[in-house]
């Protein structure tokens, strides 16, 4: 049986790449803000009828940017890419179920909590940065 990380490697990498991207743009980002954004995303996808949770600052930025990735993997959004001949191609991925997406977000949040305990306020961010950049 495939490990969770192996099965969802692409999604995990996409979400964590966006987190690292935001961190590189905003070096003052802290793990707690990542956790806030992930918790808000979990709430949003569990109960979308409640609307977008209120977040401020970098937590909101993370929520908005990671939500785009989540929506692509759910099949709600498309990703466009310019081909070598200049044409625009739509990239698609096999869609995830909401439950699969929630499991990915929970897995990342668990990692945030663990690495924060080990490495302090930016422990998770420092940890994943070495794998993404």
N, C-alpha and C. Protein backbone atom coordinates (compact mmCIF):
# COMPACT_ATOMS: atom_id res chain seq x y z
N UNK A 1 0.85 -1.19 0.00
CA UNK A 1 0.00 0.00 0.00
C UNK A 1 0.89 1.24 0.00
N UNK A 2 0.56 2.20 -0.85
CA UNK A 2 1.38 3.40 -0.97
C UNK A 2 1.23 4.28 0.27
N UNK A 3 2.34 4.89 0.64
CA UNK A 3 2.31 5.83 1.76
C UNK A 3 1.53 7.07 1.34
N UNK A 4 0.96 7.75 2.31
CA UNK A 4 0.19 8.96 2.05
C UNK A 4 1.02 9.96 1.27
N UNK A 5 2.25 10.19 1.71
CA UNK A 5 3.12 11.17 1.06
C UNK A 5 3.39 10.81 -0.39
N UNK A 6 3.53 9.52 -0.68
CA UNK A 6 3.78 9.09 -2.05
C UNK A 6 2.54 9.32 -2.93
N UNK A 7 1.39 8.98 -2.40
CA UNK A 7 0.15 9.09 -3.16
C UNK A 7 -0.20 10.55 -3.49
N UNK A 8 0.08 11.44 -2.55
CA UNK A 8 -0.31 12.84 -2.71
C UNK A 8 0.88 13.79 -2.85
N UNK A 9 2.02 13.25 -3.30
CA UNK A 9 3.25 14.04 -3.40
C UNK A 9 3.06 15.32 -4.20
N UNK A 10 2.40 15.24 -5.34
CA UNK A 10 2.22 16.42 -6.17
C UNK A 10 1.42 17.51 -5.48
N UNK A 11 0.36 17.14 -4.81
CA UNK A 11 -0.47 18.12 -4.11
C UNK A 11 0.29 18.71 -2.92
N UNK A 12 0.92 17.85 -2.13
CA UNK A 12 1.72 18.32 -1.00
C UNK A 12 2.79 19.30 -1.47
N UNK A 13 3.48 18.94 -2.54
CA UNK A 13 4.54 19.78 -3.05
C UNK A 13 3.99 21.12 -3.55
N UNK A 14 2.87 21.09 -4.24
CA UNK A 14 2.27 22.33 -4.77
C UNK A 14 1.88 23.28 -3.65
N UNK A 15 1.23 22.76 -2.64
CA UNK A 15 0.79 23.60 -1.52
C UNK A 15 2.01 24.13 -0.76
N UNK A 16 2.96 23.25 -0.46
CA UNK A 16 4.12 23.70 0.30
C UNK A 16 5.02 24.62 -0.52
N UNK A 17 5.04 24.46 -1.83
CA UNK A 17 5.78 25.39 -2.68
C UNK A 17 5.19 26.79 -2.58
N UNK A 18 3.87 26.88 -2.55
CA UNK A 18 3.23 28.19 -2.41
C UNK A 18 3.55 28.79 -1.04
N UNK A 19 3.54 27.97 -0.02
CA UNK A 19 3.87 28.45 1.33
C UNK A 19 5.29 29.01 1.34
N UNK A 20 6.23 28.28 0.75
CA UNK A 20 7.62 28.74 0.70
C UNK A 20 7.73 30.01 -0.15
N UNK A 21 7.00 30.07 -1.24
CA UNK A 21 7.01 31.27 -2.09
C UNK A 21 6.59 32.50 -1.28
N UNK A 22 5.51 32.38 -0.53
CA UNK A 22 5.03 33.50 0.30
C UNK A 22 6.07 33.82 1.37
N UNK A 23 6.68 32.80 1.95
CA UNK A 23 7.71 33.00 2.98
C UNK A 23 8.91 33.75 2.40
N UNK A 24 9.32 33.40 1.19
CA UNK A 24 10.46 34.08 0.58
C UNK A 24 10.13 35.54 0.26
N UNK A 25 8.87 35.83 -0.06
CA UNK A 25 8.46 37.21 -0.29
C UNK A 25 8.29 37.99 1.02
N UNK A 26 7.96 37.25 2.08
CA UNK A 26 7.68 37.86 3.39
C UNK A 26 8.43 37.08 4.48
N UNK A 27 9.72 37.36 4.67
CA UNK A 27 10.52 36.60 5.64
C UNK A 27 10.04 36.72 7.08
N UNK A 28 9.11 37.63 7.34
CA UNK A 28 8.55 37.75 8.69
C UNK A 28 7.40 36.77 8.93
N UNK A 29 7.03 35.99 7.93
CA UNK A 29 5.99 34.97 8.08
C UNK A 29 6.36 34.00 9.20
N UNK A 30 5.38 33.61 9.98
CA UNK A 30 5.59 32.68 11.08
C UNK A 30 4.72 31.44 10.90
N UNK A 31 5.16 30.37 11.55
CA UNK A 31 4.42 29.11 11.47
C UNK A 31 2.97 29.27 11.92
N UNK A 32 2.72 30.07 12.95
CA UNK A 32 1.35 30.21 13.43
C UNK A 32 0.43 30.79 12.35
N UNK A 33 0.98 31.64 11.48
CA UNK A 33 0.18 32.20 10.40
C UNK A 33 -0.13 31.14 9.34
N UNK A 34 0.83 30.27 9.11
CA UNK A 34 0.60 29.14 8.20
C UNK A 34 -0.49 28.25 8.78
N UNK A 35 -0.39 27.96 10.07
CA UNK A 35 -1.39 27.12 10.71
C UNK A 35 -2.78 27.77 10.66
N UNK A 36 -2.84 29.08 10.89
CA UNK A 36 -4.13 29.79 10.80
C UNK A 36 -4.74 29.64 9.41
N UNK A 37 -3.92 29.83 8.39
CA UNK A 37 -4.42 29.73 7.01
C UNK A 37 -4.89 28.30 6.71
N UNK A 38 -4.13 27.30 7.13
CA UNK A 38 -4.52 25.91 6.89
C UNK A 38 -5.81 25.56 7.63
N UNK A 39 -5.93 26.01 8.86
CA UNK A 39 -7.15 25.75 9.64
C UNK A 39 -8.35 26.42 8.97
N UNK A 40 -8.15 27.63 8.47
CA UNK A 40 -9.24 28.32 7.77
C UNK A 40 -9.62 27.59 6.47
N UNK A 41 -8.62 27.09 5.75
CA UNK A 41 -8.90 26.31 4.54
C UNK A 41 -9.66 25.04 4.87
N UNK A 42 -9.28 24.38 5.94
CA UNK A 42 -10.00 23.17 6.36
C UNK A 42 -11.45 23.50 6.66
N UNK A 43 -11.69 24.59 7.37
CA UNK A 43 -13.07 25.00 7.68
C UNK A 43 -13.83 25.34 6.40
N UNK A 44 -13.18 26.09 5.52
CA UNK A 44 -13.82 26.51 4.28
C UNK A 44 -14.24 25.33 3.42
N UNK A 45 -13.36 24.35 3.26
CA UNK A 45 -13.70 23.22 2.39
C UNK A 45 -14.63 22.22 3.07
N UNK A 46 -14.64 22.18 4.40
CA UNK A 46 -15.59 21.33 5.11
C UNK A 46 -17.01 21.89 5.00
N UNK A 47 -17.11 23.22 5.13
CA UNK A 47 -18.42 23.88 5.14
C UNK A 47 -18.38 25.14 4.30
N UNK A 48 -18.31 25.00 2.96
CA UNK A 48 -18.19 26.19 2.10
C UNK A 48 -19.36 27.16 2.20
N UNK A 49 -20.50 26.66 2.62
CA UNK A 49 -21.67 27.53 2.73
C UNK A 49 -21.48 28.61 3.80
N UNK A 50 -20.54 28.40 4.71
CA UNK A 50 -20.27 29.41 5.75
C UNK A 50 -19.44 30.58 5.22
N UNK A 51 -18.90 30.44 4.03
CA UNK A 51 -18.12 31.52 3.44
C UNK A 51 -16.66 31.49 3.86
N UNK A 52 -15.96 32.50 3.42
CA UNK A 52 -14.52 32.59 3.67
C UNK A 52 -14.29 33.09 5.09
N UNK A 53 -13.48 32.36 5.87
CA UNK A 53 -13.18 32.80 7.24
C UNK A 53 -12.43 34.14 7.24
N UNK A 54 -12.61 34.88 8.30
CA UNK A 54 -11.92 36.17 8.43
C UNK A 54 -10.49 35.94 8.87
N UNK A 55 -9.60 36.43 8.06
CA UNK A 55 -8.17 36.37 8.36
C UNK A 55 -7.56 37.71 7.97
N UNK A 56 -6.43 38.00 8.58
CA UNK A 56 -5.75 39.26 8.26
C UNK A 56 -4.30 38.98 7.89
N UNK A 57 -3.72 39.93 7.21
CA UNK A 57 -2.29 39.91 6.94
C UNK A 57 -1.84 38.71 6.14
N UNK A 58 -0.70 38.16 6.56
CA UNK A 58 -0.10 37.05 5.82
C UNK A 58 -0.93 35.78 5.91
N UNK A 59 -1.68 35.61 6.98
CA UNK A 59 -2.57 34.44 7.06
C UNK A 59 -3.59 34.50 5.92
N UNK A 60 -4.12 35.68 5.65
CA UNK A 60 -5.09 35.85 4.57
C UNK A 60 -4.43 35.65 3.21
N UNK A 61 -3.22 36.19 3.06
CA UNK A 61 -2.49 36.00 1.80
C UNK A 61 -2.28 34.52 1.53
N UNK A 62 -1.84 33.80 2.54
CA UNK A 62 -1.63 32.35 2.39
C UNK A 62 -2.93 31.65 2.05
N UNK A 63 -4.00 31.99 2.76
CA UNK A 63 -5.31 31.38 2.49
C UNK A 63 -5.69 31.58 1.03
N UNK A 64 -5.59 32.82 0.55
CA UNK A 64 -6.00 33.12 -0.82
C UNK A 64 -5.16 32.37 -1.86
N UNK A 65 -3.85 32.35 -1.66
CA UNK A 65 -2.96 31.72 -2.64
C UNK A 65 -3.07 30.19 -2.61
N UNK A 66 -3.12 29.61 -1.43
CA UNK A 66 -3.24 28.15 -1.33
C UNK A 66 -4.62 27.71 -1.80
N UNK A 67 -5.62 28.53 -1.60
CA UNK A 67 -6.97 28.19 -2.06
C UNK A 67 -7.01 28.02 -3.58
N UNK A 68 -6.26 28.83 -4.30
CA UNK A 68 -6.20 28.68 -5.76
C UNK A 68 -5.68 27.29 -6.12
N UNK A 69 -4.63 26.87 -5.45
CA UNK A 69 -4.06 25.54 -5.71
C UNK A 69 -5.07 24.46 -5.36
N UNK A 70 -5.73 24.61 -4.23
CA UNK A 70 -6.74 23.63 -3.82
C UNK A 70 -7.85 23.53 -4.85
N UNK A 71 -8.30 24.68 -5.34
CA UNK A 71 -9.38 24.69 -6.33
C UNK A 71 -8.95 24.03 -7.64
N UNK A 72 -7.69 24.20 -8.00
CA UNK A 72 -7.18 23.52 -9.21
C UNK A 72 -7.25 22.01 -9.00
N UNK A 73 -6.79 21.53 -7.85
CA UNK A 73 -6.81 20.09 -7.60
C UNK A 73 -8.21 19.53 -7.41
N UNK A 74 -9.16 20.38 -7.04
CA UNK A 74 -10.55 19.92 -6.93
C UNK A 74 -11.26 19.96 -8.28
N UNK A 75 -10.60 20.54 -9.28
CA UNK A 75 -11.19 20.64 -10.60
C UNK A 75 -12.07 21.87 -10.77
N UNK A 76 -12.01 22.82 -9.83
CA UNK A 76 -12.83 24.04 -9.90
C UNK A 76 -12.15 25.13 -10.72
N UNK A 77 -10.85 25.06 -10.88
CA UNK A 77 -10.07 26.05 -11.61
C UNK A 77 -9.16 25.32 -12.57
N UNK A 78 -8.69 26.03 -13.59
CA UNK A 78 -7.72 25.44 -14.51
C UNK A 78 -6.41 26.23 -14.41
N UNK A 79 -5.38 25.61 -14.84
CA UNK A 79 -4.06 26.21 -14.85
C UNK A 79 -3.63 26.31 -16.30
N UNK A 80 -3.18 27.48 -16.69
CA UNK A 80 -2.76 27.67 -18.07
C UNK A 80 -1.25 27.78 -18.15
N UNK A 81 -0.72 27.31 -19.28
CA UNK A 81 0.73 27.27 -19.50
C UNK A 81 0.99 27.64 -20.95
N UNK A 82 2.00 28.45 -21.17
CA UNK A 82 2.37 28.80 -22.54
C UNK A 82 3.30 27.73 -23.10
N UNK A 83 2.87 27.12 -24.19
CA UNK A 83 3.66 26.07 -24.85
C UNK A 83 4.82 26.71 -25.62
N UNK A 84 5.74 25.88 -26.06
CA UNK A 84 6.91 26.37 -26.81
C UNK A 84 6.52 27.11 -28.08
N UNK A 85 5.41 26.71 -28.69
CA UNK A 85 4.98 27.39 -29.92
C UNK A 85 4.15 28.65 -29.64
N UNK A 86 4.04 29.04 -28.37
CA UNK A 86 3.34 30.27 -28.01
C UNK A 86 1.86 30.09 -27.72
N UNK A 87 1.33 28.90 -27.98
CA UNK A 87 -0.09 28.68 -27.69
C UNK A 87 -0.28 28.47 -26.19
N UNK A 88 -1.46 28.76 -25.75
CA UNK A 88 -1.81 28.59 -24.34
C UNK A 88 -2.49 27.23 -24.17
N UNK A 89 -1.95 26.44 -23.27
CA UNK A 89 -2.51 25.13 -22.99
C UNK A 89 -3.10 25.13 -21.58
N UNK A 90 -4.19 24.43 -21.43
CA UNK A 90 -4.75 24.25 -20.09
C UNK A 90 -4.19 22.96 -19.52
N UNK A 91 -3.65 23.07 -18.33
CA UNK A 91 -3.15 21.90 -17.64
C UNK A 91 -4.22 21.43 -16.67
N UNK A 92 -4.39 20.15 -16.59
CA UNK A 92 -5.35 19.63 -15.63
C UNK A 92 -4.74 18.45 -14.90
N UNK A 93 -5.28 18.19 -13.77
CA UNK A 93 -4.82 17.09 -12.92
C UNK A 93 -6.03 16.23 -12.61
N UNK A 94 -5.80 14.96 -12.34
CA UNK A 94 -6.95 14.16 -11.89
C UNK A 94 -7.51 14.80 -10.63
N UNK A 95 -8.79 15.15 -10.63
CA UNK A 95 -9.32 15.87 -9.47
C UNK A 95 -9.32 15.04 -8.20
N UNK A 96 -9.08 15.74 -7.11
CA UNK A 96 -9.16 15.13 -5.79
C UNK A 96 -10.59 15.28 -5.28
N UNK A 97 -10.96 14.41 -4.39
CA UNK A 97 -12.22 14.61 -3.67
C UNK A 97 -11.95 15.63 -2.56
N UNK A 98 -13.01 16.20 -2.04
CA UNK A 98 -12.86 17.15 -0.93
C UNK A 98 -12.20 16.45 0.25
N UNK A 99 -12.57 15.20 0.49
CA UNK A 99 -11.98 14.45 1.61
C UNK A 99 -10.47 14.26 1.42
N UNK A 100 -10.05 13.98 0.20
CA UNK A 100 -8.62 13.84 -0.06
C UNK A 100 -7.89 15.16 0.17
N UNK A 101 -8.49 16.24 -0.31
CA UNK A 101 -7.89 17.56 -0.11
C UNK A 101 -7.79 17.88 1.38
N UNK A 102 -8.84 17.61 2.12
CA UNK A 102 -8.82 17.86 3.57
C UNK A 102 -7.72 17.05 4.23
N UNK A 103 -7.53 15.82 3.80
CA UNK A 103 -6.47 14.98 4.37
C UNK A 103 -5.09 15.59 4.09
N UNK A 104 -4.90 16.13 2.90
CA UNK A 104 -3.62 16.77 2.55
C UNK A 104 -3.40 18.00 3.44
N UNK A 105 -4.42 18.83 3.58
CA UNK A 105 -4.29 20.03 4.40
C UNK A 105 -4.03 19.67 5.87
N UNK A 106 -4.71 18.63 6.36
CA UNK A 106 -4.47 18.18 7.74
C UNK A 106 -3.04 17.68 7.91
N UNK A 107 -2.54 16.98 6.92
CA UNK A 107 -1.17 16.45 6.96
C UNK A 107 -0.15 17.59 7.04
N UNK A 108 -0.36 18.62 6.23
CA UNK A 108 0.56 19.76 6.25
C UNK A 108 0.45 20.49 7.59
N UNK A 109 -0.76 20.67 8.09
CA UNK A 109 -0.93 21.34 9.38
C UNK A 109 -0.24 20.55 10.50
N UNK A 110 -0.33 19.25 10.44
CA UNK A 110 0.35 18.41 11.43
C UNK A 110 1.86 18.63 11.36
N UNK A 111 2.40 18.75 10.16
CA UNK A 111 3.82 19.01 9.97
C UNK A 111 4.20 20.39 10.51
N UNK A 112 3.35 21.38 10.27
CA UNK A 112 3.60 22.72 10.81
C UNK A 112 3.72 22.66 12.33
N UNK A 113 2.78 21.99 12.96
CA UNK A 113 2.78 21.91 14.42
C UNK A 113 4.02 21.19 14.95
N UNK A 114 4.38 20.09 14.30
CA UNK A 114 5.54 19.31 14.76
C UNK A 114 6.83 20.11 14.61
N UNK A 115 7.09 20.66 13.42
CA UNK A 115 8.34 21.38 13.18
C UNK A 115 8.40 22.69 13.94
N UNK A 116 7.25 23.26 14.26
CA UNK A 116 7.23 24.45 15.10
C UNK A 116 7.70 24.12 16.51
N UNK A 117 7.27 22.98 17.02
CA UNK A 117 7.73 22.56 18.36
C UNK A 117 9.22 22.29 18.37
N UNK A 118 9.73 21.72 17.30
CA UNK A 118 11.15 21.38 17.20
C UNK A 118 12.01 22.61 16.96
N UNK A 119 11.55 23.50 16.06
CA UNK A 119 12.42 24.58 15.60
C UNK A 119 12.01 25.99 15.94
N UNK A 120 10.93 26.16 16.70
CA UNK A 120 10.54 27.51 17.08
C UNK A 120 9.59 28.17 16.10
N UNK A 121 9.46 29.51 16.17
CA UNK A 121 8.44 30.26 15.43
C UNK A 121 8.46 30.08 13.91
N UNK A 122 9.60 29.72 13.35
CA UNK A 122 9.69 29.48 11.92
C UNK A 122 10.28 28.09 11.64
N UNK A 123 10.13 27.20 12.58
CA UNK A 123 10.70 25.86 12.44
C UNK A 123 10.19 25.11 11.22
N UNK A 124 8.89 25.16 10.99
CA UNK A 124 8.32 24.49 9.82
C UNK A 124 8.82 25.15 8.54
N UNK A 125 8.77 26.46 8.50
CA UNK A 125 9.18 27.19 7.31
C UNK A 125 10.64 26.93 6.95
N UNK A 126 11.51 26.92 7.95
CA UNK A 126 12.92 26.62 7.71
C UNK A 126 13.07 25.18 7.22
N UNK A 127 12.31 24.27 7.81
CA UNK A 127 12.41 22.86 7.44
C UNK A 127 12.01 22.63 5.99
N UNK A 128 10.81 23.12 5.59
CA UNK A 128 10.36 22.81 4.23
C UNK A 128 11.12 23.59 3.17
N UNK A 129 11.64 24.73 3.54
CA UNK A 129 12.36 25.55 2.55
C UNK A 129 13.52 24.78 1.94
N UNK A 130 14.17 23.94 2.72
CA UNK A 130 15.32 23.19 2.19
C UNK A 130 14.91 22.18 1.12
N UNK A 131 13.66 21.78 1.08
CA UNK A 131 13.19 20.81 0.10
C UNK A 131 12.55 21.45 -1.13
N UNK A 132 12.14 22.70 -0.99
CA UNK A 132 11.39 23.37 -2.06
C UNK A 132 12.29 24.22 -2.93
N UNK A 133 13.23 24.94 -2.35
CA UNK A 133 14.04 25.86 -3.16
C UNK A 133 15.33 25.24 -3.61
